[in-house]
Protein backbone atom coordinates (compact mmCIF):
# COMPACT_ATOMS: atom_id res chain seq x y z
CA MET A 1 0.00 0.00 0.00
CA ASP A 2 1.28 3.45 -0.85
CA ALA A 3 2.16 5.72 2.05
CA ALA A 4 -0.34 8.46 2.88
CA PRO A 5 0.34 11.81 1.19
CA LYS A 6 2.11 14.27 3.47
CA VAL A 7 0.79 17.74 4.25
CA LEU A 8 2.66 20.49 6.08
CA ILE A 9 0.48 23.15 7.72
CA VAL A 10 2.28 26.43 8.43
CA ASP A 11 0.15 28.65 10.65
CA ASN A 12 0.82 30.40 13.96
CA ASP A 13 -2.85 30.12 14.95
CA ARG A 14 -2.69 26.80 16.79
CA ASP A 15 -6.46 26.43 17.00
CA ILE A 16 -6.86 26.69 13.23
CA SER A 17 -3.79 24.52 12.60
CA ASP A 18 -5.06 21.79 14.91
CA LEU A 19 -8.54 21.98 13.37
CA ALA A 20 -7.11 21.61 9.86
CA ARG A 21 -4.84 18.79 11.04
CA ALA A 22 -7.77 16.90 12.59
CA LEU A 23 -9.76 17.32 9.40
CA LEU A 24 -6.95 16.16 7.11
CA THR A 25 -5.79 13.24 9.26
CA ASP A 26 -9.39 11.98 9.21
CA GLU A 27 -9.15 12.16 5.42
CA GLY A 28 -6.10 9.88 5.50
CA TYR A 29 -3.25 12.38 5.20
CA GLU A 30 -0.05 12.41 7.24
CA VAL A 31 0.01 15.93 8.66
CA ALA A 32 2.72 18.00 10.35
CA CYS A 33 2.32 21.51 11.75
CA LEU A 34 4.78 24.39 11.93
CA TYR A 35 3.29 26.92 14.33
CA GLU A 36 5.96 29.62 14.16
CA HIS A 37 8.05 30.39 11.12
CA PHE A 38 10.83 32.88 10.79
CA GLY A 39 13.73 33.11 8.39
CA ASP A 40 14.22 29.85 6.52
CA ASP A 41 12.01 27.70 8.76
CA VAL A 42 9.48 26.86 6.04
CA ILE A 43 12.06 25.85 3.43
CA ALA A 44 14.05 23.83 5.98
CA SER A 45 10.89 22.03 7.13
CA ALA A 46 10.02 21.24 3.52
CA GLY A 47 13.49 19.73 3.10
CA ARG A 48 13.17 17.60 6.22
CA LEU A 49 9.64 16.37 5.55
CA GLU A 50 9.34 16.51 1.74
CA PRO A 51 5.56 17.01 1.96
CA ASP A 52 3.27 16.62 -1.01
CA CYS A 53 1.51 19.89 -0.20
CA VAL A 54 2.13 22.94 2.01
CA ILE A 55 -0.74 24.94 3.49
CA LEU A 56 0.87 28.32 4.07
CA ASP A 57 -0.41 31.14 6.24
CA GLY A 58 1.25 34.57 6.44
CA GLU A 59 4.61 35.09 8.12
CA SER A 60 4.61 34.97 11.92
CA GLY A 61 4.44 38.38 13.57
CA HIS A 62 3.63 40.22 10.35
CA GLY A 63 0.45 41.88 11.57
CA GLY A 64 -1.93 39.79 9.47
CA ASP A 65 -0.30 40.64 6.15
CA TYR A 66 1.04 37.76 4.04
CA GLY A 67 4.56 39.20 4.32
CA ALA A 68 7.54 36.99 3.57
CA SER A 69 5.25 34.03 2.86
CA TRP A 70 5.09 35.26 -0.74
CA ALA A 71 8.82 34.56 -1.07
CA GLU A 72 8.50 31.27 0.81
CA ALA A 73 5.84 30.08 -1.63
CA ALA A 74 8.06 31.08 -4.54
CA SER A 75 10.99 29.15 -3.03
CA LEU A 76 8.80 26.06 -2.67
CA GLN A 77 8.01 26.31 -6.39
CA ALA A 78 11.67 26.83 -7.35
CA ARG A 79 12.90 23.61 -5.69
CA ALA A 80 14.21 20.74 -7.81
CA ARG A 81 11.03 18.99 -6.63
CA PRO A 82 8.40 21.76 -6.48
CA ILE A 83 5.84 21.44 -3.70
CA PRO A 84 2.25 22.54 -4.43
CA THR A 85 1.40 25.34 -2.01
CA ILE A 86 -1.99 26.54 -0.83
CA MET A 87 -2.38 30.12 0.37
CA PHE A 88 -4.24 30.01 3.70
CA THR A 89 -4.98 33.51 4.92
CA ALA A 90 -7.43 35.91 6.51
CA HIS A 91 -5.76 38.79 4.65
CA ALA A 92 -8.29 39.56 1.92
CA PRO A 93 -6.01 41.78 -0.22
CA ALA A 94 -3.38 39.02 -0.38
CA ALA A 95 -5.99 36.45 -1.37
CA GLN A 96 -7.32 38.73 -4.10
CA GLU A 97 -3.80 39.37 -5.39
CA ALA A 98 -3.02 35.66 -5.50
CA LEU A 99 -6.27 34.83 -7.30
CA ALA A 100 -5.71 37.57 -9.89
CA GLY A 101 -2.17 36.30 -10.54
CA GLU A 102 -1.11 39.58 -12.13
CA THR A 103 1.76 40.66 -9.88
CA GLU A 104 5.29 39.30 -10.12
CA ARG A 105 5.18 37.78 -6.65
CA ALA A 106 1.82 36.12 -7.29
CA ARG A 107 3.14 34.52 -10.47
CA ALA A 108 6.31 33.36 -8.68
CA ALA A 109 4.29 31.85 -5.83
CA SER A 110 2.02 30.02 -8.31
CA PHE A 111 -0.38 28.85 -5.60
CA ALA A 112 -2.18 25.59 -6.18
CA ALA A 113 -5.20 27.14 -4.46
CA VAL A 114 -6.23 30.09 -2.31
CA ILE A 115 -8.24 29.30 0.81
CA PRO A 116 -9.50 32.35 2.71
CA LYS A 117 -10.22 32.25 6.45
CA PRO A 118 -12.61 31.42 7.94
CA PHE A 119 -12.31 28.44 5.65
CA ASP A 120 -14.82 26.14 4.06
CA ILE A 121 -14.09 22.54 5.06
CA ASP A 122 -14.99 20.97 1.73
CA GLN A 123 -13.02 23.60 -0.17
CA LEU A 124 -9.89 22.87 1.86
CA VAL A 125 -10.21 19.09 1.49
CA ASP A 126 -10.76 19.39 -2.26
CA ALA A 127 -7.80 21.75 -2.64
CA VAL A 128 -5.46 19.44 -0.72
CA ALA A 129 -6.60 16.40 -2.72
CA LYS A 130 -5.90 18.21 -5.99
CA ALA A 131 -2.55 19.58 -4.80
CA THR A 132 -1.20 16.30 -3.43
CA GLY A 133 -2.15 14.55 -6.64
CA SER A 134 -0.45 17.07 -8.91
CA ALA A 135 3.24 16.49 -8.13
CA PRO A 136 5.60 13.49 -8.03
CA ARG A 137 5.91 11.92 -4.58
CA PHE A 138 9.26 11.94 -2.80
CA ASP A 139 10.81 8.47 -2.57
CA PRO A 140 12.62 8.07 0.82
CA SER A 141 13.82 4.52 0.15
CA PRO A 142 17.52 3.54 0.42
CA ALA A 143 17.52 2.78 -3.31
CA ALA A 144 16.29 6.30 -4.09
CA ASP A 145 18.93 7.74 -1.74
CA ARG A 146 21.60 5.86 -3.67
CA GLU A 147 20.26 7.26 -6.94
CA ARG A 148 20.30 10.81 -5.55
CA THR A 149 23.87 10.32 -4.38
CA GLN A 150 24.97 8.96 -7.74
CA ARG A 151 23.39 11.91 -9.55
CA LEU A 152 25.28 14.23 -7.22
CA VAL A 153 28.57 12.44 -7.96
CA GLN A 154 27.97 12.80 -11.69
CA ARG A 155 27.12 16.49 -11.39
CA LEU A 156 30.25 17.21 -9.34
CA GLU A 157 32.42 15.40 -11.87
CA GLU A 158 30.81 17.46 -14.64
CA VAL A 159 31.83 20.73 -12.94
CA GLY A 160 35.45 19.62 -12.54
CA ALA A 161 35.60 17.92 -9.14
CA ALA A 162 38.11 15.07 -8.94
CA ASP A 163 38.34 11.91 -6.86
CA VAL A 164 34.66 12.17 -5.92
CA ARG A 165 33.84 9.63 -3.22
CA SER A 166 30.39 8.93 -1.86
CA SER A 167 29.17 7.64 1.49
CA THR A 168 26.36 5.15 2.03
CA ARG A 169 24.40 8.07 3.49
CA ARG A 170 22.14 10.20 1.32
CA GLU A 171 24.20 12.71 -0.66
CA TRP A 172 27.33 12.69 1.45
CA VAL A 173 30.39 13.09 -0.78
CA THR A 174 34.00 14.24 -0.62
CA PHE A 175 35.91 15.55 -3.62
CA LYS A 176 39.11 17.34 -4.54
CA ALA A 177 39.86 20.55 -6.41
CA PRO A 178 42.76 20.76 -8.91
CA ASP A 179 45.18 21.81 -6.14
CA ALA A 180 44.18 18.69 -4.12
CA SER A 181 42.20 20.72 -1.57
CA LEU A 182 39.54 18.50 -0.02
CA PHE A 183 35.87 19.46 0.05
CA GLN A 184 32.71 17.89 1.42
CA LEU A 185 29.13 18.35 0.27
CA TYR A 186 26.44 16.69 2.32
CA TRP A 187 22.74 16.61 3.12
CA TRP A 188 21.89 17.50 6.72
CA GLN A 189 18.52 15.88 7.40
CA THR A 190 17.88 17.57 10.75
CA GLY A 191 18.58 21.00 9.30
CA GLY A 192 16.77 20.29 6.05
CA CYS A 193 19.65 21.68 4.00
CA TYR A 194 22.88 20.98 2.11
CA LEU A 195 26.23 22.08 3.53
CA VAL A 196 29.49 22.57 1.65
CA GLY A 197 32.74 22.51 3.62
CA ALA A 198 36.40 22.88 2.73
CA TYR A 199 39.64 21.68 4.30
CA LEU A 200 41.89 24.58 3.39
CA GLY A 201 45.26 25.76 4.67
CA ASP A 202 46.90 22.93 6.61
CA GLY A 203 43.76 20.81 6.14
CA ARG A 204 43.32 20.17 9.84
CA ARG A 205 39.91 21.76 10.21
CA MET A 206 36.88 22.12 8.00
CA GLU A 207 35.38 25.51 7.18
CA ASN A 208 31.71 25.71 6.22
CA ILE A 209 31.54 27.72 3.00
CA GLY A 210 27.87 27.38 2.08
CA LEU A 211 24.41 26.35 3.25
CA PHE A 212 21.69 25.67 0.67
CA TYR A 213 18.12 24.42 0.68
CA ASP A 214 18.35 22.89 -2.78
CA VAL A 215 21.02 20.73 -4.34
CA ASP A 216 21.44 23.08 -7.32
CA GLY A 217 22.82 25.82 -5.08
CA ALA A 218 25.16 23.38 -3.34
CA VAL A 219 26.54 22.13 -6.66
CA ALA A 220 27.00 25.70 -7.88
CA CYS A 221 28.96 26.48 -4.71
CA ALA A 222 31.13 23.40 -5.29
CA GLU A 223 31.73 24.47 -8.88
CA GLY A 224 32.80 27.92 -7.73
CA ALA A 225 35.18 26.41 -5.20
CA VAL A 226 36.74 24.13 -7.82
CA LYS A 227 37.21 27.03 -10.26
CA ALA A 228 38.74 29.23 -7.54
CA ARG A 229 41.25 26.56 -6.54
CA ARG A 230 42.06 25.90 -10.22
CA ALA A 231 42.78 29.61 -10.73
CA ALA A 232 44.92 29.76 -7.62
CA SER A 233 46.97 26.65 -8.46
């Protein structure tokens, strides 16, 4: 039997979050809640959980406006695996803007649906069903982890990394630049992000040189490091 689709609810109103969670778990979804979100919390949570849909309220502490959640929705769409996102808000102007889809930020967010508060139960259930069925599911199996790691190895070799060695863990690799400097690129599950580190100087300690929420940014950082060491050698 296939695993239940995952839904992440992002809303600092715990009563509404818990109501939506009760409703959706009764419908057979696996539901997680993020009650407070600041900075990169939403994107990191998406990386940790790989949900099939995000129900996204406005940024915490933003006075009812949708705030930075516009950018968070856009980031969820820009991932290598985009996550359908539902606007969930009591801010009528934001809902109208999203429905019109005429502004740059509305187009970037590309919401799967807009659910105004107070919300209609059937409308929310229908929107989640449509959203979770519209995108490929994330495969957490060991075989899929090995495939992700192998793709990462190939991409690093394509940008000039040498002696690329992979771990049995998901997307943990070491590689060398042309001057033999050692680098590591790895997925941090707890943080929901990729880290790139370098053993420079005497090589006795690692320096973190980048943190990314998508593998494309991590590979680009690795490519830049390889080119810099090539130029310096």
